[in-house]
Amino acid sequence: MSIRHGLLALLERGQMYGYQLRAAFEESTGSTWPLNIGQVYTTLSRLERNGLVRPLPESEGGQRPYEITDAGRADLALWFATPVSRADRPRDELAIKLALALTTPGVDVRAVVQNQRAATMRTLQELTRLKYASDRPEDLPWRLVLDAMVFQAEAEIRWLDHCETSLVRHRPAPGGAPPAGPGHPAGAVDRDGEGARR
């Protein structure tokens, strides 16, 4: 999710100034994605430049509220109507780390997997604790965010288990040949039962 669309969604509720937007964003997400006020005002400046929000006169306290424009509403409606693509999400740093660990001399890949599993398990326990800390109806938005994080942590633990099983089965090819890739299927055998030769 982009901060831009988060702020547009909040402004659809009504006029707000920067600190109100930050507080509302963190309340909606259960503080699972903390924002600093600089991010809020930088994003508001871009939204204003693009005609998606407009500033209003300053209040007596010196705060300048913003409101969403019709163009902002159209942009927000399009965002809500468009599925999130896997290609739009950040690269999976853990998968890249393990792939590199397999080919970097001196790295204990099993230790990397075990350390990550322990950290992810701690995260899962904390998320589960937070999830059951409150069952007020108004907490549903951030509980859904927590649910997503719980499911992601559970999936990561299952994937790490799979990685560890794969490492146990993995035997480096003789002569330090590179691991099988898309053009070199793993497990291919010739008629003598040995690894396929190319």
Protein backbone atom coordinates (compact mmCIF):
# COMPACT_ATOMS: atom_id res chain seq x y z
CA MET A 1 0.00 0.00 0.00
CA SER A 2 1.28 3.48 -0.81
CA ILE A 3 1.23 6.22 1.78
CA ARG A 4 -0.36 8.37 -0.90
CA HIS A 5 -3.49 6.24 -1.13
CA GLY A 6 -3.60 5.82 2.63
CA LEU A 7 -3.74 9.59 3.08
CA LEU A 8 -6.35 9.94 0.33
CA ALA A 9 -8.51 7.32 2.05
CA LEU A 10 -8.24 9.20 5.34
CA LEU A 11 -9.08 12.54 3.71
CA GLU A 12 -12.19 10.95 2.22
CA ARG A 13 -13.44 10.84 5.84
CA GLY A 14 -13.07 14.62 6.11
CA GLN A 15 -10.57 17.47 6.29
CA MET A 16 -7.42 16.81 8.33
CA TYR A 17 -4.02 18.36 8.88
CA GLY A 18 -0.73 16.50 8.94
CA TYR A 19 -0.58 15.35 12.56
CA GLN A 20 -4.21 14.24 12.44
CA LEU A 21 -3.46 12.22 9.30
CA ARG A 22 -0.47 10.53 10.91
CA ALA A 23 -2.46 9.65 14.03
CA ALA A 24 -5.42 8.35 11.99
CA PHE A 25 -3.13 6.29 9.74
CA GLU A 26 -1.42 4.64 12.71
CA GLU A 27 -4.75 4.05 14.46
CA SER A 28 -6.18 2.40 11.33
CA THR A 29 -3.18 0.09 10.95
CA GLY A 30 -2.66 -0.61 14.65
CA SER A 31 0.71 1.20 14.50
CA THR A 32 2.06 -1.70 12.42
CA TRP A 33 3.28 0.85 9.86
CA PRO A 34 4.51 3.92 11.75
CA LEU A 35 4.82 7.14 9.75
CA ASN A 36 7.02 10.08 10.54
CA ILE A 37 5.49 13.50 10.07
CA GLY A 38 8.00 14.32 7.31
CA GLN A 39 6.62 11.48 5.18
CA VAL A 40 3.10 12.81 5.68
CA TYR A 41 3.91 16.37 4.61
CA THR A 42 6.11 15.28 1.71
CA THR A 43 3.27 13.08 0.43
CA LEU A 44 0.71 15.86 0.92
CA SER A 45 2.92 18.20 -1.15
CA ARG A 46 3.01 15.68 -4.00
CA LEU A 47 -0.73 15.09 -3.77
CA GLU A 48 -1.34 18.84 -3.91
CA ARG A 49 1.01 19.23 -6.88
CA ASN A 50 -0.89 16.46 -8.70
CA GLY A 51 -4.26 18.05 -7.94
CA LEU A 52 -5.45 15.19 -5.71
CA VAL A 53 -5.77 17.28 -2.52
CA ARG A 54 -6.03 20.98 -1.79
CA PRO A 55 -4.91 22.96 1.25
CA LEU A 56 -7.44 24.97 3.19
CA PRO A 57 -6.89 28.16 5.21
CA GLU A 58 -4.90 27.74 8.39
CA SER A 59 -6.78 27.23 11.63
CA GLU A 60 -6.38 29.56 14.60
CA GLY A 61 -3.81 27.13 15.95
CA GLY A 62 -1.71 27.49 12.81
CA GLN A 63 -2.50 24.05 11.35
CA ARG A 64 -3.31 23.84 7.67
CA PRO A 65 -5.93 21.18 6.92
CA TYR A 66 -6.25 19.44 3.56
CA GLU A 67 -9.23 18.07 1.71
CA ILE A 68 -9.48 15.54 -1.10
CA THR A 69 -10.41 16.79 -4.59
CA ASP A 70 -12.63 15.11 -7.17
CA ALA A 71 -9.48 13.94 -8.96
CA GLY A 72 -8.26 12.50 -5.67
CA ARG A 73 -11.53 10.64 -5.20
CA ALA A 74 -11.24 9.19 -8.71
CA ASP A 75 -7.65 8.10 -8.04
CA LEU A 76 -8.66 6.54 -4.72
CA ALA A 77 -11.62 4.71 -6.31
CA LEU A 78 -9.31 3.30 -8.99
CA TRP A 79 -6.84 2.12 -6.32
CA PHE A 80 -9.58 0.34 -4.37
CA ALA A 81 -10.87 -1.28 -7.59
CA THR A 82 -7.45 -2.49 -8.77
CA PRO A 83 -6.06 -5.78 -7.37
CA VAL A 84 -2.57 -5.61 -5.89
CA SER A 85 -0.09 -7.35 -8.18
CA ARG A 86 2.74 -9.45 -6.82
CA ALA A 87 5.01 -7.42 -9.10
CA ASP A 88 4.00 -4.26 -7.22
CA ARG A 89 5.29 -5.57 -3.90
CA PRO A 90 8.84 -5.17 -2.63
CA ARG A 91 11.36 -7.89 -3.46
CA ASP A 92 11.54 -10.65 -0.88
CA GLU A 93 14.81 -9.87 0.90
CA LEU A 94 14.79 -13.16 2.83
CA ALA A 95 14.48 -15.28 -0.32
CA ILE A 96 17.31 -13.31 -1.93
CA LYS A 97 19.44 -13.65 1.22
CA LEU A 98 19.04 -17.44 1.29
CA ALA A 99 19.73 -17.75 -2.44
CA LEU A 100 22.96 -15.78 -1.98
CA ALA A 101 23.89 -17.69 1.18
CA LEU A 102 23.82 -20.92 -0.82
CA THR A 103 26.46 -19.63 -3.20
CA THR A 104 28.62 -17.58 -0.80
CA PRO A 105 31.66 -19.44 0.59
CA GLY A 106 31.81 -19.75 4.36
CA VAL A 107 28.12 -19.10 5.05
CA ASP A 108 26.28 -21.61 7.25
CA VAL A 109 22.96 -21.62 5.41
CA ARG A 110 21.26 -23.83 8.01
CA ALA A 111 22.18 -21.31 10.71
CA VAL A 112 20.71 -18.51 8.60
CA VAL A 113 17.46 -20.48 8.25
CA GLN A 114 17.31 -21.36 11.95
CA ASN A 115 18.01 -17.80 13.08
CA GLN A 116 15.30 -16.49 10.79
CA ARG A 117 12.80 -19.10 11.97
CA ALA A 118 13.44 -18.18 15.62
CA ALA A 119 12.97 -14.46 14.84
CA THR A 120 9.82 -15.09 12.81
CA MET A 121 8.39 -17.29 15.55
CA ARG A 122 8.94 -14.50 18.11
CA THR A 123 7.21 -12.07 15.76
CA LEU A 124 4.30 -14.47 15.28
CA GLN A 125 3.86 -14.86 19.04
CA GLU A 126 3.85 -11.08 19.54
CA LEU A 127 1.37 -10.54 16.69
CA THR A 128 -0.92 -13.21 18.11
CA ARG A 129 -0.75 -11.57 21.54
CA LEU A 130 -1.69 -8.20 20.02
CA LYS A 131 -4.51 -9.74 18.01
CA TYR A 132 -6.26 -11.06 21.09
CA ALA A 133 -5.57 -8.00 23.25
CA SER A 134 -8.83 -6.36 22.18
CA ASP A 135 -12.05 -7.44 20.54
CA ARG A 136 -13.82 -4.07 20.31
CA PRO A 137 -15.70 -3.63 17.01
CA GLU A 138 -13.82 -0.39 16.31
CA ASP A 139 -10.53 -2.32 16.38
CA LEU A 140 -11.50 -4.47 13.37
CA PRO A 141 -9.41 -2.49 10.81
CA TRP A 142 -6.12 -2.99 12.63
CA ARG A 143 -7.01 -6.56 13.63
CA LEU A 144 -7.35 -7.35 9.91
CA VAL A 145 -3.88 -5.85 9.36
CA LEU A 146 -2.57 -8.02 12.20
CA ASP A 147 -4.27 -11.08 10.66
CA ALA A 148 -2.44 -10.43 7.38
CA MET A 149 0.87 -10.19 9.25
CA VAL A 150 0.10 -13.39 11.21
CA PHE A 151 -0.65 -15.29 7.98
CA GLN A 152 2.55 -13.95 6.38
CA ALA A 153 4.62 -15.03 9.39
CA GLU A 154 3.02 -18.50 9.37
CA ALA A 155 3.71 -18.83 5.64
CA GLU A 156 7.32 -17.73 6.17
CA ILE A 157 7.81 -20.39 8.85
CA ARG A 158 6.38 -23.06 6.51
CA TRP A 159 8.70 -21.87 3.73
CA LEU A 160 11.70 -21.93 6.08
CA ASP A 161 10.79 -25.52 7.04
CA HIS A 162 10.71 -26.34 3.32
CA CYS A 163 14.11 -24.67 2.85
CA GLU A 164 15.62 -26.70 5.68
CA THR A 165 14.24 -29.95 4.22
CA SER A 166 15.66 -28.98 0.82
CA LEU A 167 19.06 -28.28 2.38
CA VAL A 168 19.11 -31.73 3.99
CA ARG A 169 18.46 -33.31 0.56
CA HIS A 170 20.88 -31.02 -1.26
CA ARG A 171 24.19 -32.52 -2.31
CA PRO A 172 26.53 -30.25 -4.28
CA ALA A 173 27.25 -31.52 -7.78
CA PRO A 174 30.72 -33.04 -8.35
CA GLY A 175 33.33 -30.53 -9.41
CA GLY A 176 31.40 -27.60 -7.99
CA ALA A 177 28.94 -27.42 -10.88
CA PRO A 178 26.35 -24.67 -10.47
CA PRO A 179 23.01 -25.64 -8.99
CA ALA A 180 20.17 -26.55 -11.31
CA GLY A 181 18.31 -23.60 -12.76
CA PRO A 182 15.37 -23.12 -15.09
CA GLY A 183 17.37 -24.44 -18.04
CA HIS A 184 18.88 -27.30 -16.02
CA PRO A 185 16.09 -29.21 -14.25
CA ALA A 186 17.01 -30.60 -10.85
CA GLY A 187 16.63 -34.33 -10.49
CA ALA A 188 16.97 -35.12 -14.22
CA VAL A 189 18.48 -38.57 -14.68
CA ASP A 190 19.81 -40.44 -17.67
CA ARG A 191 19.21 -44.08 -18.53
CA ASP A 192 22.02 -45.23 -16.20
CA GLY A 193 20.37 -43.45 -13.24
CA GLU A 194 23.13 -40.82 -13.04
CA GLY A 195 22.64 -37.08 -13.33
CA ALA A 196 21.93 -35.96 -16.85
CA ARG A 197 25.05 -34.82 -18.73
CA ARG A 198 25.06 -31.84 -21.02
